[in-house]
Amino acid sequence: MIVQNPFKPRGLLKDLLKEATIEARYRIDPLVGHSYILRKTAKRLGYEPDLQNPKTYNEKILWRKLRDRRAVLTTVSDKIAVRDFVAERLKDHDFEALFPKLYATASDPAQIDFATLPDTYVVKSNYGSGRNILVTPDDPVDVPKLLEQARLWQRRSYGKTKFEWAYQSIKRQIMVEELISDASGRVADDIKFAVFDGKCEFIVYCDDRFGDYCWHHLTPRWDRLFSTPPSATERPLPPKPNGFDEMLKMAERLCEGIDYFRVDFMITPTRFVLNEITLYDASGMDPLDPPIWDNRFGEFWTLPS
């Protein structure tokens, strides 16, 4: 059982005190002009973000976090509710094939019957990112340890320290999904479509994200813009994955009439599934290298009124 980004127990009282501190800052900072989050963002980006006239990609993500309160943002941030959103927008697609199989959901992880699950699956929270437990025959489930991690997830908020509003009203649940991997057991790669009002303007392909990772930023025509880390530009660009054109069309249809969503798929040589819809790429704190792309990506995005 592999716990990604494992939480360390602090004890219930310490958790409550820590969460109270986070909640106080989350409520007070807007009253003082968002001074805390603006300072934090400026330190990461190397420039002072302008909320009054946002132009860069990161500034517009920050504006969305602090100003945009549309209900659809909460819907697509919930890894369970987003399935209904996608099913409604892509009615003519095979819903069962579009997502990983969903084996169980529960408000209390102890309600999950682990004895009925297959040998391979992933356990995750429905209201955050990076909270995953991978179970395989080589790393079988340790139920007490898994329940401890899941309960820690539920006790601790997600996104409040970075003022990511959309996660805050999601009902906290634990979900068990099919683990997407290739024939060798290698966990699927990611491909992310940045779509602005129904048009994909750039793509991020995550090559070997749990190994010798490389993030290629590409055009929809599969031309390289830049790669992270910069040394990765020396790598040959991988070929388009199977199903690329279909994924692109799906992503654009999902985002018709929406100023910006990033639609993320998991891919193997024989299959792709929709993983999630992302609102706050790197929480608006990604100093893109080279920085010119912060401005260029921002030009694609027209914020709502």
C-alpha atoms as a PDB file:
ATOM      1  CA  MET A   1       0.000   0.000   0.000  1.00  0.00           C
ATOM      2  CA  ILE A   2       1.589   3.236  -1.189  1.00  0.00           C
ATOM      3  CA  VAL A   3       0.446   6.447   0.505  1.00  0.00           C
ATOM      4  CA  GLN A   4       1.223   9.485  -1.620  1.00  0.00           C
ATOM      5  CA  ASN A   5       1.990  12.625   0.431  1.00  0.00           C
ATOM      6  CA  PRO A   6       1.255  10.829   3.713  1.00  0.00           C
ATOM      7  CA  PHE A   7      -0.218  12.872   6.557  1.00  0.00           C
ATOM      8  CA  LYS A   8       1.472  12.541   9.930  1.00  0.00           C
ATOM      9  CA  PRO A   9      -0.826  12.296  12.964  1.00  0.00           C
ATOM     10  CA  ARG A  10      -0.844  15.386  15.173  1.00  0.00           C
ATOM     11  CA  GLY A  11      -3.530  14.273  17.574  1.00  0.00           C
ATOM     12  CA  LEU A  12      -7.128  15.424  17.613  1.00  0.00           C
ATOM     13  CA  LEU A  13      -6.558  18.508  19.799  1.00  0.00           C
ATOM     14  CA  LYS A  14      -3.605  19.710  17.694  1.00  0.00           C
ATOM     15  CA  ASP A  15      -5.640  19.123  14.531  1.00  0.00           C
ATOM     16  CA  LEU A  16      -8.511  21.188  15.909  1.00  0.00           C
ATOM     17  CA  LEU A  17      -6.195  24.035  16.936  1.00  0.00           C
ATOM     18  CA  LYS A  18      -4.386  23.991  13.573  1.00  0.00           C
ATOM     19  CA  GLU A  19      -7.669  24.013  11.652  1.00  0.00           C
ATOM     20  CA  ALA A  20      -8.962  26.876  13.817  1.00  0.00           C
ATOM     21  CA  THR A  21      -5.855  28.900  12.953  1.00  0.00           C
ATOM     22  CA  ILE A  22      -6.276  28.187   9.239  1.00  0.00           C
ATOM     23  CA  GLU A  23      -9.972  29.100   9.410  1.00  0.00           C
ATOM     24  CA  ALA A  24      -9.242  32.386  11.203  1.00  0.00           C
ATOM     25  CA  ARG A  25      -6.718  33.432   8.558  1.00  0.00           C
ATOM     26  CA  TYR A  26      -9.103  32.368   5.780  1.00  0.00           C
ATOM     27  CA  ARG A  27     -11.830  34.625   7.206  1.00  0.00           C
ATOM     28  CA  ILE A  28      -9.682  37.583   8.284  1.00  0.00           C
ATOM     29  CA  ASP A  29      -7.426  37.973   5.243  1.00  0.00           C
ATOM     30  CA  PRO A  30     -10.237  39.206   2.916  1.00  0.00           C
ATOM     31  CA  LEU A  31     -11.072  41.879   5.498  1.00  0.00           C
ATOM     32  CA  VAL A  32      -7.534  43.287   5.273  1.00  0.00           C
ATOM     33  CA  GLY A  33      -7.310  43.288   1.476  1.00  0.00           C
ATOM     34  CA  HIS A  34      -5.953  39.742   1.102  1.00  0.00           C
ATOM     35  CA  SER A  35      -2.573  40.949   2.343  1.00  0.00           C
ATOM     36  CA  TYR A  36      -1.396  37.496   3.464  1.00  0.00           C
ATOM     37  CA  ILE A  37      -2.158  35.601   0.255  1.00  0.00           C
ATOM     38  CA  LEU A  38      -0.922  38.464  -1.941  1.00  0.00           C
ATOM     39  CA  ARG A  39       2.431  38.512  -0.113  1.00  0.00           C
ATOM     40  CA  LYS A  40       2.682  34.723  -0.340  1.00  0.00           C
ATOM     41  CA  THR A  41       1.903  34.746  -4.062  1.00  0.00           C
ATOM     42  CA  ALA A  42       4.329  37.607  -4.780  1.00  0.00           C
ATOM     43  CA  LYS A  43       7.111  35.713  -3.019  1.00  0.00           C
ATOM     44  CA  ARG A  44       6.511  32.644  -5.199  1.00  0.00           C
ATOM     45  CA  LEU A  45       6.077  34.499  -8.496  1.00  0.00           C
ATOM     46  CA  GLY A  46       8.681  37.203  -8.086  1.00  0.00           C
ATOM     47  CA  TYR A  47       6.245  40.014  -8.893  1.00  0.00           C
ATOM     48  CA  GLU A  48       3.322  41.761  -7.195  1.00  0.00           C
ATOM     49  CA  PRO A  49       0.035  40.317  -8.509  1.00  0.00           C
ATOM     50  CA  ASP A  50      -2.563  42.864  -9.628  1.00  0.00           C
ATOM     51  CA  LEU A  51      -6.093  41.847  -8.619  1.00  0.00           C
ATOM     52  CA  GLN A  52      -7.666  44.988 -10.042  1.00  0.00           C
ATOM     53  CA  ASN A  53      -6.357  44.445 -13.561  1.00  0.00           C
ATOM     54  CA  PRO A  54      -5.160  40.836 -13.803  1.00  0.00           C
ATOM     55  CA  LYS A  55      -3.307  40.035 -17.017  1.00  0.00           C
ATOM     56  CA  THR A  56      -1.007  37.079 -16.429  1.00  0.00           C
ATOM     57  CA  TYR A  57      -2.123  33.453 -16.165  1.00  0.00           C
ATOM     58  CA  ASN A  58      -1.192  33.313 -12.483  1.00  0.00           C
ATOM     59  CA  GLU A  59      -2.943  36.609 -11.710  1.00  0.00           C
ATOM     60  CA  LYS A  60      -6.143  35.314 -13.270  1.00  0.00           C
ATOM     61  CA  ILE A  61      -5.993  32.084 -11.261  1.00  0.00           C
ATOM     62  CA  LEU A  62      -5.532  34.216  -8.131  1.00  0.00           C
ATOM     63  CA  TRP A  63      -8.504  36.390  -9.166  1.00  0.00           C
ATOM     64  CA  ARG A  64     -10.624  33.246  -9.593  1.00  0.00           C
ATOM     65  CA  LYS A  65      -9.642  32.004  -6.135  1.00  0.00           C
ATOM     66  CA  LEU A  66     -10.520  35.269  -4.409  1.00  0.00           C
ATOM     67  CA  ARG A  67     -13.411  36.634  -6.492  1.00  0.00           C
ATOM     68  CA  ASP A  68     -15.186  33.915  -8.504  1.00  0.00           C
ATOM     69  CA  ARG A  69     -18.044  32.264  -6.601  1.00  0.00           C
ATOM     70  CA  ARG A  70     -19.966  30.361  -9.299  1.00  0.00           C
ATOM     71  CA  ALA A  71     -21.565  27.130  -8.099  1.00  0.00           C
ATOM     72  CA  VAL A  72     -20.198  25.209 -11.102  1.00  0.00           C
ATOM     73  CA  LEU A  73     -16.678  25.633  -9.711  1.00  0.00           C
ATOM     74  CA  THR A  74     -17.624  23.640  -6.620  1.00  0.00           C
ATOM     75  CA  THR A  75     -19.401  20.992  -8.717  1.00  0.00           C
ATOM     76  CA  VAL A  76     -16.398  20.237 -10.920  1.00  0.00           C
ATOM     77  CA  SER A  77     -13.979  20.313  -7.945  1.00  0.00           C
ATOM     78  CA  ASP A  78     -15.875  17.444  -6.304  1.00  0.00           C
ATOM     79  CA  LYS A  79     -14.416  14.236  -7.754  1.00  0.00           C
ATOM     80  CA  ILE A  80     -17.777  12.514  -7.313  1.00  0.00           C
ATOM     81  CA  ALA A  81     -20.150  15.282  -8.458  1.00  0.00           C
ATOM     82  CA  VAL A  82     -18.005  16.040 -11.520  1.00  0.00           C
ATOM     83  CA  ARG A  83     -19.062  12.706 -13.005  1.00  0.00           C
ATOM     84  CA  ASP A  84     -22.655  13.933 -13.344  1.00  0.00           C
ATOM     85  CA  PHE A  85     -21.449  17.235 -14.830  1.00  0.00           C
ATOM     86  CA  VAL A  86     -19.460  15.367 -17.476  1.00  0.00           C
ATOM     87  CA  ALA A  87     -22.269  12.895 -18.182  1.00  0.00           C
ATOM     88  CA  GLU A  88     -24.661  15.795 -18.821  1.00  0.00           C
ATOM     89  CA  ARG A  89     -22.287  17.555 -21.217  1.00  0.00           C
ATOM     90  CA  LEU A  90     -21.141  14.411 -23.051  1.00  0.00           C
ATOM     91  CA  LYS A  91     -24.421  12.547 -23.311  1.00  0.00           C
ATOM     92  CA  ASP A  92     -23.400  10.689 -26.465  1.00  0.00           C
ATOM     93  CA  HIS A  93     -20.282   9.121 -24.918  1.00  0.00           C
ATOM     94  CA  ASP A  94     -19.960   5.822 -23.075  1.00  0.00           C
ATOM     95  CA  PHE A  95     -19.952   7.062 -19.482  1.00  0.00           C
ATOM     96  CA  GLU A  96     -18.738   3.729 -18.084  1.00  0.00           C
ATOM     97  CA  ALA A  97     -15.609   3.865 -20.250  1.00  0.00           C
ATOM     98  CA  LEU A  98     -14.935   7.562 -19.726  1.00  0.00           C
ATOM     99  CA  PHE A  99     -14.105   7.372 -16.000  1.00  0.00           C
ATOM    100  CA  PRO A 100     -12.230   4.868 -13.845  1.00  0.00           C
ATOM    101  CA  LYS A 101     -14.609   2.382 -12.265  1.00  0.00           C
ATOM    102  CA  LEU A 102     -15.978   3.689  -8.973  1.00  0.00           C
ATOM    103  CA  TYR A 103     -16.026   0.863  -6.427  1.00  0.00           C
ATOM    104  CA  ALA A 104     -17.198   2.692  -3.301  1.00  0.00           C
ATOM    105  CA  THR A 105     -17.870   6.061  -1.682  1.00  0.00           C
ATOM    106  CA  ALA A 106     -18.356   6.742   2.016  1.00  0.00           C
ATOM    107  CA  SER A 107     -18.477   9.615   4.465  1.00  0.00           C
ATOM    108  CA  ASP A 108     -16.936   7.283   7.033  1.00  0.00           C
ATOM    109  CA  PRO A 109     -14.084   5.191   5.571  1.00  0.00           C
ATOM    110  CA  ALA A 110     -14.863   2.400   8.061  1.00  0.00           C
ATOM    111  CA  GLN A 111     -18.063   1.769   6.077  1.00  0.00           C
ATOM    112  CA  ILE A 112     -16.023   0.543   3.092  1.00  0.00           C
ATOM    113  CA  ASP A 113     -15.914  -3.247   2.791  1.00  0.00           C
ATOM    114  CA  PHE A 114     -12.306  -3.767   1.730  1.00  0.00           C
ATOM    115  CA  ALA A 115     -12.775  -7.529   1.525  1.00  0.00           C
ATOM    116  CA  THR A 116     -15.003  -7.109  -1.537  1.00  0.00           C
ATOM    117  CA  LEU A 117     -12.556  -4.901  -3.460  1.00  0.00           C
ATOM    118  CA  PRO A 118     -10.233  -6.166  -6.216  1.00  0.00           C
ATOM    119  CA  ASP A 119      -6.504  -6.614  -5.645  1.00  0.00           C
ATOM    120  CA  THR A 120      -5.690  -3.278  -7.290  1.00  0.00           C
ATOM    121  CA  TYR A 121      -7.364   0.082  -6.626  1.00  0.00           C
ATOM    122  CA  VAL A 122      -6.768   3.635  -5.442  1.00  0.00           C
ATOM    123  CA  VAL A 123      -8.331   5.316  -2.411  1.00  0.00           C
ATOM    124  CA  LYS A 124      -8.674   9.106  -2.524  1.00  0.00           C
ATOM    125  CA  SER A 125     -10.545  12.026  -1.043  1.00  0.00           C
ATOM    126  CA  ASN A 126     -13.210  13.633  -3.234  1.00  0.00           C
ATOM    127  CA  TYR A 127     -12.383  17.221  -2.294  1.00  0.00           C
ATOM    128  CA  GLY A 128      -8.655  17.682  -2.759  1.00  0.00           C
ATOM    129  CA  SER A 129      -5.571  16.771  -4.734  1.00  0.00           C
ATOM    130  CA  GLY A 130      -2.593  14.570  -3.913  1.00  0.00           C
ATOM    131  CA  ARG A 131      -4.438  12.516  -1.279  1.00  0.00           C
ATOM    132  CA  ASN A 132      -4.103   9.044  -2.799  1.00  0.00           C
ATOM    133  CA  ILE A 133      -3.418   5.544  -1.515  1.00  0.00           C
ATOM    134  CA  LEU A 134      -2.433   2.944  -4.122  1.00  0.00           C
ATOM    135  CA  VAL A 135      -3.198  -0.705  -3.409  1.00  0.00           C
ATOM    136  CA  THR A 136      -1.706  -3.464  -5.584  1.00  0.00           C
ATOM    137  CA  PRO A 137      -0.867  -7.154  -5.132  1.00  0.00           C
ATOM    138  CA  ASP A 138       2.748  -6.100  -4.464  1.00  0.00           C
ATOM    139  CA  ASP A 139       1.598  -3.459  -1.947  1.00  0.00           C
ATOM    140  CA  PRO A 140      -1.555  -4.909  -0.382  1.00  0.00           C
ATOM    141  CA  VAL A 141      -3.944  -2.958   1.795  1.00  0.00           C
ATOM    142  CA  ASP A 142      -3.155  -2.318   5.459  1.00  0.00           C
ATOM    143  CA  VAL A 143      -6.686  -1.476   6.600  1.00  0.00           C
ATOM    144  CA  PRO A 144      -5.861   0.163   9.973  1.00  0.00           C
ATOM    145  CA  LYS A 145      -3.179   2.358   8.369  1.00  0.00           C
ATOM    146  CA  LEU A 146      -5.482   3.224   5.469  1.00  0.00           C
ATOM    147  CA  LEU A 147      -8.326   4.197   7.794  1.00  0.00           C
ATOM    148  CA  GLU A 148      -5.973   6.376   9.829  1.00  0.00           C
ATOM    149  CA  GLN A 149      -4.847   8.252   6.699  1.00  0.00           C
ATOM    150  CA  ALA A 150      -8.398   8.645   5.400  1.00  0.00           C
ATOM    151  CA  ARG A 151      -9.589  10.054   8.725  1.00  0.00           C
ATOM    152  CA  LEU A 152      -6.693  12.487   8.784  1.00  0.00           C
ATOM    153  CA  TRP A 153      -7.744  13.680   5.302  1.00  0.00           C
ATOM    154  CA  GLN A 154     -11.264  14.265   6.539  1.00  0.00           C
ATOM    155  CA  ARG A 155     -10.203  16.135   9.656  1.00  0.00           C
ATOM    156  CA  ARG A 156      -7.982  18.485   7.696  1.00  0.00           C
ATOM    157  CA  SER A 157      -9.230  21.085   5.266  1.00  0.00           C
ATOM    158  CA  TYR A 158      -7.955  21.326   1.725  1.00  0.00           C
ATOM    159  CA  GLY A 159      -7.155  24.535  -0.106  1.00  0.00           C
ATOM    160  CA  LYS A 160      -7.851  27.018   2.710  1.00  0.00           C
ATOM    161  CA  THR A 161      -4.204  27.923   3.240  1.00  0.00           C
ATOM    162  CA  LYS A 162      -4.073  28.996  -0.431  1.00  0.00           C
ATOM    163  CA  PHE A 163      -7.633  30.421  -0.424  1.00  0.00           C
ATOM    164  CA  GLU A 164      -9.008  27.925  -2.937  1.00  0.00           C
ATOM    165  CA  TRP A 165     -12.683  28.679  -2.412  1.00  0.00           C
ATOM    166  CA  ALA A 166     -14.303  25.969  -4.543  1.00  0.00           C
ATOM    167  CA  TYR A 167     -13.284  23.092  -2.244  1.00  0.00           C
ATOM    168  CA  GLN A 168     -14.691  24.526   0.954  1.00  0.00           C
ATOM    169  CA  SER A 169     -18.360  23.519   0.712  1.00  0.00           C
ATOM    170  CA  ILE A 170     -17.798  20.031  -0.733  1.00  0.00           C
ATOM    171  CA  LYS A 171     -19.107  17.231   1.471  1.00  0.00           C
ATOM    172  CA  ARG A 172     -15.985  15.309   2.487  1.00  0.00           C
ATOM    173  CA  GLN A 173     -16.060  11.717   1.302  1.00  0.00           C
ATOM    174  CA  ILE A 174     -13.653   8.879   0.640  1.00  0.00           C
ATOM    175  CA  MET A 175     -13.829   7.177  -2.733  1.00  0.00           C
ATOM    176  CA  VAL A 176     -12.337   3.955  -4.069  1.00  0.00           C
ATOM    177  CA  GLU A 177     -11.546   3.862  -7.772  1.00  0.00           C
ATOM    178  CA  GLU A 178      -9.973   1.627 -10.345  1.00  0.00           C
ATOM    179  CA  LEU A 179      -6.207   2.175 -10.530  1.00  0.00           C
ATOM    180  CA  ILE A 180      -5.284   3.014 -14.128  1.00  0.00           C
ATOM    181  CA  SER A 181      -1.982   1.441 -15.191  1.00  0.00           C
ATOM    182  CA  ASP A 182      -0.428  -0.185 -18.227  1.00  0.00           C
ATOM    183  CA  ALA A 183       0.269  -3.882 -18.802  1.00  0.00           C
ATOM    184  CA  SER A 184       3.526  -3.648 -16.832  1.00  0.00           C
ATOM    185  CA  GLY A 185       1.832  -2.072 -13.822  1.00  0.00           C
ATOM    186  CA  ARG A 186       3.256   1.409 -14.472  1.00  0.00           C
ATOM    187  CA  VAL A 187       0.820   4.073 -13.278  1.00  0.00           C
ATOM    188  CA  ALA A 188      -0.770   6.014 -16.135  1.00  0.00           C
ATOM    189  CA  ASP A 189       0.680   9.288 -17.386  1.00  0.00           C
ATOM    190  CA  ASP A 190      -1.299  12.542 -17.392  1.00  0.00           C
ATOM    191  CA  ILE A 191      -2.308  14.787 -20.253  1.00  0.00           C
ATOM    192  CA  LYS A 192      -3.935  18.106 -19.419  1.00  0.00           C
ATOM    193  CA  PHE A 193      -5.914  20.282 -21.850  1.00  0.00           C
ATOM    194  CA  ALA A 194      -6.097  24.004 -21.036  1.00  0.00           C
ATOM    195  CA  VAL A 195      -9.431  25.079 -22.565  1.00  0.00           C
ATOM    196  CA  PHE A 196     -10.683  28.673 -22.779  1.00  0.00           C
ATOM    197  CA  ASP A 197     -14.358  29.079 -23.711  1.00  0.00           C
ATOM    198  CA  GLY A 198     -14.404  25.842 -25.634  1.00  0.00           C
ATOM    199  CA  LYS A 199     -11.016  26.195 -27.327  1.00  0.00           C
ATOM    200  CA  CYS A 200      -7.875  24.368 -26.243  1.00  0.00           C
ATOM    201  CA  GLU A 201      -4.900  26.716 -26.382  1.00  0.00           C
ATOM    202  CA  PHE A 202      -2.161  24.587 -24.828  1.00  0.00           C
ATOM    203  CA  ILE A 203      -1.535  21.118 -23.424  1.00  0.00           C
ATOM    204  CA  VAL A 204       0.624  19.788 -20.611  1.00  0.00           C
ATOM    205  CA  TYR A 205       1.845  16.223 -21.088  1.00  0.00           C
ATOM    206  CA  CYS A 206       3.271  14.650 -17.920  1.00  0.00           C
ATOM    207  CA  ASP A 207       5.793  12.046 -18.997  1.00  0.00           C
ATOM    208  CA  ASP A 208       6.730   9.442 -16.334  1.00  0.00           C
ATOM    209  CA  ARG A 209       5.351  11.578 -13.493  1.00  0.00           C
ATOM    210  CA  PHE A 210       6.401   9.122 -10.758  1.00  0.00           C
ATOM    211  CA  GLY A 211       9.842   8.440 -12.245  1.00  0.00           C
ATOM    212  CA  ASP A 212      12.168  10.612 -14.340  1.00  0.00           C
ATOM    213  CA  TYR A 213       9.388  13.138 -14.760  1.00  0.00           C
ATOM    214  CA  CYS A 214       9.059  15.749 -17.473  1.00  0.00           C
ATOM    215  CA  TRP A 215       6.208  18.190 -18.103  1.00  0.00           C
ATOM    216  CA  HIS A 216       5.999  19.118 -21.788  1.00  0.00           C
ATOM    217  CA  HIS A 217       3.956  22.246 -22.594  1.00  0.00           C
ATOM    218  CA  LEU A 218       2.636  21.817 -26.129  1.00  0.00           C
ATOM    219  CA  THR A 219       0.312  23.342 -28.678  1.00  0.00           C
ATOM    220  CA  PRO A 220      -2.806  21.369 -29.720  1.00  0.00           C
ATOM    221  CA  ARG A 221      -0.830  20.546 -32.889  1.00  0.00           C
ATOM    222  CA  TRP A 222       1.731  18.788 -30.653  1.00  0.00           C
ATOM    223  CA  ASP A 223       4.507  21.349 -31.123  1.00  0.00           C
ATOM    224  CA  ARG A 224       6.702  21.958 -28.087  1.00  0.00           C
ATOM    225  CA  LEU A 225       6.400  25.328 -26.312  1.00  0.00           C
ATOM    226  CA  PHE A 226       8.720  24.542 -23.401  1.00  0.00           C
ATOM    227  CA  SER A 227       9.447  21.730 -20.956  1.00  0.00           C
ATOM    228  CA  THR A 228       9.922  21.482 -17.203  1.00  0.00           C
ATOM    229  CA  PRO A 229      12.591  21.013 -16.025  1.00  0.00           C
ATOM    230  CA  PRO A 230      14.314  23.086 -18.732  1.00  0.00           C
ATOM    231  CA  SER A 231      16.839  20.293 -19.342  1.00  0.00           C
ATOM    232  CA  ALA A 232      13.943  18.143 -20.514  1.00  0.00           C
ATOM    233  CA  THR A 233      13.928  19.996 -23.832  1.00  0.00           C
ATOM    234  CA  GLU A 234      16.801  17.665 -24.735  1.00  0.00           C
ATOM    235  CA  ARG A 235      14.407  14.717 -24.636  1.00  0.00           C
ATOM    236  CA  PRO A 236      12.718  13.655 -27.840  1.00  0.00           C
ATOM    237  CA  LEU A 237       9.111  14.733 -27.807  1.00  0.00           C
ATOM    238  CA  PRO A 238       6.890  11.671 -27.239  1.00  0.00           C
ATOM    239  CA  PRO A 239       4.380  10.882 -29.984  1.00  0.00           C
ATOM    240  CA  LYS A 240       0.754  11.851 -29.561  1.00  0.00           C
ATOM    241  CA  PRO A 241      -0.957   9.307 -27.334  1.00  0.00           C
ATOM    242  CA  ASN A 242      -3.657   7.040 -28.709  1.00  0.00           C
ATOM    243  CA  GLY A 243      -7.035   8.757 -28.511  1.00  0.00           C
ATOM    244  CA  PHE A 244      -5.516  12.246 -28.542  1.00  0.00           C
ATOM    245  CA  ASP A 245      -7.988  13.729 -31.031  1.00  0.00           C
ATOM    246  CA  GLU A 246     -10.967  12.313 -29.127  1.00  0.00           C
ATOM    247  CA  MET A 247      -9.672  13.649 -25.798  1.00  0.00           C
ATOM    248  CA  LEU A 248      -9.164  17.080 -27.345  1.00  0.00           C
ATOM    249  CA  LYS A 249     -12.724  17.172 -28.681  1.00  0.00           C
ATOM    250  CA  MET A 250     -14.141  16.039 -25.335  1.00  0.00           C
ATOM    251  CA  ALA A 251     -12.185  18.659 -23.412  1.00  0.00           C
ATOM    252  CA  GLU A 252     -13.395  21.433 -25.699  1.00  0.00           C
ATOM    253  CA  ARG A 253     -17.018  20.311 -25.489  1.00  0.00           C
ATOM    254  CA  LEU A 254     -16.860  20.143 -21.698  1.00  0.00           C
ATOM    255  CA  CYS A 255     -15.698  23.758 -21.554  1.00  0.00           C
ATOM    256  CA  GLU A 256     -18.105  25.413 -23.984  1.00  0.00           C
ATOM    257  CA  GLY A 257     -19.328  28.636 -22.397  1.00  0.00           C
ATOM    258  CA  ILE A 258     -16.774  28.356 -19.545  1.00  0.00           C
ATOM    259  CA  ASP A 259     -13.995  30.952 -19.401  1.00  0.00           C
ATOM    260  CA  TYR A 260     -11.350  28.389 -18.384  1.00  0.00           C
ATOM    261  CA  PHE A 261     -11.077  24.806 -17.185  1.00  0.00           C
ATOM    262  CA  ARG A 262      -8.119  22.458 -17.379  1.00  0.00           C
ATOM    263  CA  VAL A 263      -9.356  18.985 -18.296  1.00  0.00           C
ATOM    264  CA  ASP A 264      -7.033  16.203 -17.136  1.00  0.00           C
ATOM    265  CA  PHE A 265      -6.933  12.682 -18.547  1.00  0.00           C
ATOM    266  CA  MET A 266      -4.934   9.612 -17.494  1.00  0.00           C
ATOM    267  CA  ILE A 267      -3.499   7.650 -20.401  1.00  0.00           C
ATOM    268  CA  THR A 268      -1.931   4.280 -21.107  1.00  0.00           C
ATOM    269  CA  PRO A 269      -0.938   2.865 -24.521  1.00  0.00           C
ATOM    270  CA  THR A 270      -4.383   1.265 -24.852  1.00  0.00           C
ATOM    271  CA  ARG A 271      -6.778   3.477 -22.915  1.00  0.00           C
ATOM    272  CA  PHE A 272      -7.617   6.920 -21.582  1.00  0.00           C
ATOM    273  CA  VAL A 273      -9.968   8.049 -18.806  1.00  0.00           C
ATOM    274  CA  LEU A 274     -10.990  11.454 -17.521  1.00  0.00           C
ATOM    275  CA  ASN A 275      -9.231  12.116 -14.228  1.00  0.00           C
ATOM    276  CA  GLU A 276     -10.419  15.545 -13.050  1.00  0.00           C
ATOM    277  CA  ILE A 277     -11.213  19.135 -13.977  1.00  0.00           C
ATOM    278  CA  THR A 278      -8.734  21.597 -12.509  1.00  0.00           C
ATOM    279  CA  LEU A 279      -9.539  25.212 -11.619  1.00  0.00           C
ATOM    280  CA  TYR A 280      -6.480  26.479  -9.789  1.00  0.00           C
ATOM    281  CA  ASP A 281      -3.402  25.310 -11.681  1.00  0.00           C
ATOM    282  CA  ALA A 282      -0.558  25.329  -9.105  1.00  0.00           C
ATOM    283  CA  SER A 283      -2.844  27.637  -7.083  1.00  0.00           C
ATOM    284  CA  GLY A 284      -1.721  30.558  -9.246  1.00  0.00           C
ATOM    285  CA  MET A 285       1.798  30.340  -7.800  1.00  0.00           C
ATOM    286  CA  ASP A 286       3.733  28.758 -10.651  1.00  0.00           C
ATOM    287  CA  PRO A 287       6.675  30.918 -11.807  1.00  0.00           C
ATOM    288  CA  LEU A 288       6.623  29.626 -15.363  1.00  0.00           C
ATOM    289  CA  ASP A 289      10.063  29.198 -16.887  1.00  0.00           C
ATOM    290  CA  PRO A 290      10.585  31.149 -19.097  1.00  0.00           C
ATOM    291  CA  PRO A 291       8.293  33.817 -17.513  1.00  0.00           C
ATOM    292  CA  ILE A 292       7.004  35.072 -20.879  1.00  0.00           C
ATOM    293  CA  TRP A 293       4.511  32.191 -20.856  1.00  0.00           C
ATOM    294  CA  ASP A 294       2.785  33.638 -17.796  1.00  0.00           C
ATOM    295  CA  ASN A 295       1.756  36.573 -19.987  1.00  0.00           C
ATOM    296  CA  ARG A 296       1.011  34.547 -23.109  1.00  0.00           C
ATOM    297  CA  PHE A 297      -1.200  32.033 -21.314  1.00  0.00           C
ATOM    298  CA  GLY A 298      -2.965  34.912 -19.568  1.00  0.00           C
ATOM    299  CA  GLU A 299      -3.899  36.416 -22.946  1.00  0.00           C
ATOM    300  CA  PHE A 300      -6.034  33.373 -23.751  1.00  0.00           C
ATOM    301  CA  TRP A 301      -8.243  33.900 -20.694  1.00  0.00           C
ATOM    302  CA  THR A 302     -11.119  36.395 -20.612  1.00  0.00           C
ATOM    303  CA  LEU A 303     -12.386  36.549 -17.054  1.00  0.00           C
ATOM    304  CA  PRO A 304     -16.159  36.593 -16.405  1.00  0.00           C
ATOM    305  CA  SER A 305     -17.834  39.837 -15.442  1.00  0.00           C
END
